[in-house]
Protein backbone atom coordinates (compact mmCIF):
# COMPACT_ATOMS: atom_id res chain seq x y z
CA UNK A 1 0.61 14.06 -10.14
CA UNK A 2 0.44 9.97 -9.72
CA UNK A 3 -3.06 9.39 -9.72
CA UNK A 4 -3.38 6.07 -8.33
CA UNK A 5 -7.27 5.39 -8.43
CA UNK A 6 -8.18 2.61 -11.02
CA UNK A 7 -11.35 3.56 -12.48
CA UNK A 8 -11.88 -0.18 -14.02
CA UNK A 9 -10.50 0.60 -17.26
CA UNK A 10 -7.61 -1.77 -16.60
CA UNK A 11 -6.17 -4.47 -14.73
CA UNK A 12 -2.63 -4.88 -13.02
CA UNK A 13 -1.02 -7.30 -15.11
CA UNK A 14 2.33 -9.22 -13.74
CA UNK A 15 4.18 -11.91 -14.36
CA UNK A 16 3.99 -13.77 -10.53
CA UNK A 17 2.96 -12.48 -7.12
CA UNK A 18 6.59 -11.18 -6.17
CA UNK A 19 6.45 -8.68 -9.09
CA UNK A 20 2.92 -7.64 -8.22
CA UNK A 21 3.93 -6.94 -4.99
CA UNK A 22 7.27 -4.88 -6.26
CA UNK A 23 5.51 -3.48 -8.84
CA UNK A 24 2.39 -2.17 -6.40
CA UNK A 25 5.03 -1.15 -3.79
CA UNK A 26 6.91 0.98 -6.02
CA UNK A 27 3.92 2.79 -7.24
CA UNK A 28 3.21 3.79 -3.62
CA UNK A 29 6.61 4.71 -3.21
CA UNK A 30 6.73 7.09 -6.32
CA UNK A 31 3.36 8.74 -4.65
CA UNK A 32 5.07 9.15 -1.61
CA UNK A 33 8.05 10.79 -3.26
CA UNK A 34 5.89 12.86 -5.23
CA UNK A 35 4.19 14.06 -2.15
CA UNK A 36 6.96 14.56 0.14
CA UNK A 37 6.95 18.33 -0.27
CA UNK A 38 3.40 18.87 0.85
CA UNK A 39 4.50 15.66 3.83
CA UNK A 40 6.94 18.34 4.92
CA UNK A 41 4.46 20.98 5.65
CA UNK A 42 2.15 18.56 8.10
CA UNK A 43 2.59 20.35 11.44
CA UNK A 44 -0.16 18.73 13.57
CA UNK A 45 1.53 16.41 16.17
CA UNK A 46 -1.65 14.33 16.23
CA UNK A 47 -0.50 12.95 12.91
CA UNK A 48 2.22 10.18 13.01
CA UNK A 49 2.06 8.77 9.94
CA UNK A 50 0.54 8.36 6.65
CA UNK A 51 -0.75 5.11 5.27
CA UNK A 52 -0.84 4.33 1.44
CA UNK A 53 -2.57 1.60 0.39
CA UNK A 54 -3.63 0.02 -3.25
CA UNK A 55 -6.42 -2.64 -3.46
CA UNK A 56 -6.85 -3.57 -7.20
CA UNK A 57 -7.57 -6.23 -9.52
CA UNK A 58 -4.49 -8.15 -10.61
CA UNK A 59 -3.57 -10.88 -13.54
CA UNK A 60 -0.68 -13.67 -12.49
CA UNK A 61 0.55 -14.37 -15.48
CA UNK A 62 2.23 -17.44 -14.09
CA UNK A 63 -0.97 -18.81 -12.70
CA UNK A 64 -3.16 -17.63 -15.08
CA UNK A 65 -5.02 -16.07 -12.11
CA UNK A 66 -7.57 -13.00 -11.95
CA UNK A 67 -7.58 -12.01 -8.52
CA UNK A 68 -7.36 -8.77 -6.17
CA UNK A 69 -3.63 -7.43 -5.42
CA UNK A 70 -2.97 -5.36 -2.05
CA UNK A 71 0.00 -3.39 -0.88
CA UNK A 72 0.65 -1.14 1.77
CA UNK A 73 3.29 1.10 2.34
CA UNK A 74 3.54 3.56 5.57
CA UNK A 75 5.06 6.78 6.01
CA UNK A 76 5.92 7.64 9.78
CA UNK A 77 6.05 11.46 10.44
CA UNK A 78 6.80 10.97 14.15
CA UNK A 79 10.68 9.97 15.50
CA UNK A 80 11.84 6.32 15.40
CA UNK A 81 11.48 4.68 19.08
CA UNK A 82 8.64 7.07 20.53
CA UNK A 83 5.35 5.66 21.66
CA UNK A 84 3.71 7.39 18.54
CA UNK A 85 5.96 5.39 16.24
CA UNK A 86 4.96 2.00 18.04
CA UNK A 87 1.48 2.74 18.00
CA UNK A 88 1.39 3.42 14.25
CA UNK A 89 3.64 0.20 13.54
CA UNK A 90 0.66 -1.70 15.61
CA UNK A 91 -1.68 -0.10 13.77
CA UNK A 92 -0.06 -0.71 10.02
CA UNK A 93 0.38 -4.14 11.34
CA UNK A 94 -3.39 -4.80 12.11
CA UNK A 95 -4.75 -2.81 8.96
CA UNK A 96 -2.13 -5.30 6.54
CA UNK A 97 -3.39 -8.66 8.73
CA UNK A 98 -6.89 -7.11 8.20
CA UNK A 99 -6.54 -6.44 4.32
CA UNK A 100 -4.32 -10.04 3.75
CA UNK A 101 -7.40 -11.70 5.63
CA UNK A 102 -10.27 -10.20 3.93
CA UNK A 103 -12.13 -12.14 1.17
CA UNK A 104 -11.74 -11.07 -2.14
CA UNK A 105 -12.10 -14.06 -4.05
CA UNK A 106 -9.11 -16.34 -5.18
CA UNK A 107 -5.52 -15.19 -3.60
CA UNK A 108 -2.40 -16.23 -2.60
CA UNK A 109 -2.32 -18.00 0.32
């Protein structure tokens, strides 16, 4: 099982912002893949999707910047085009906006 929790022993290190976003996205996608068997067992129609979110310390080498990096991946469990899917997309959009606009020190603007 992939453990995404950083207990403070390390800082995510990337050459630039795009590599940070890509790398964290790949970690989240890997977590989704490893959880896929469990996700197929969810039968409760009230659960329309899952949100995987990372917020971790990161060092951006191109800028010599120690900052916070954030990445979100959405895993819908409802059919496309349904009201549930629309609600899930709105929720994910608002969560992303809130995460990106929260104060966490110096960040990419």
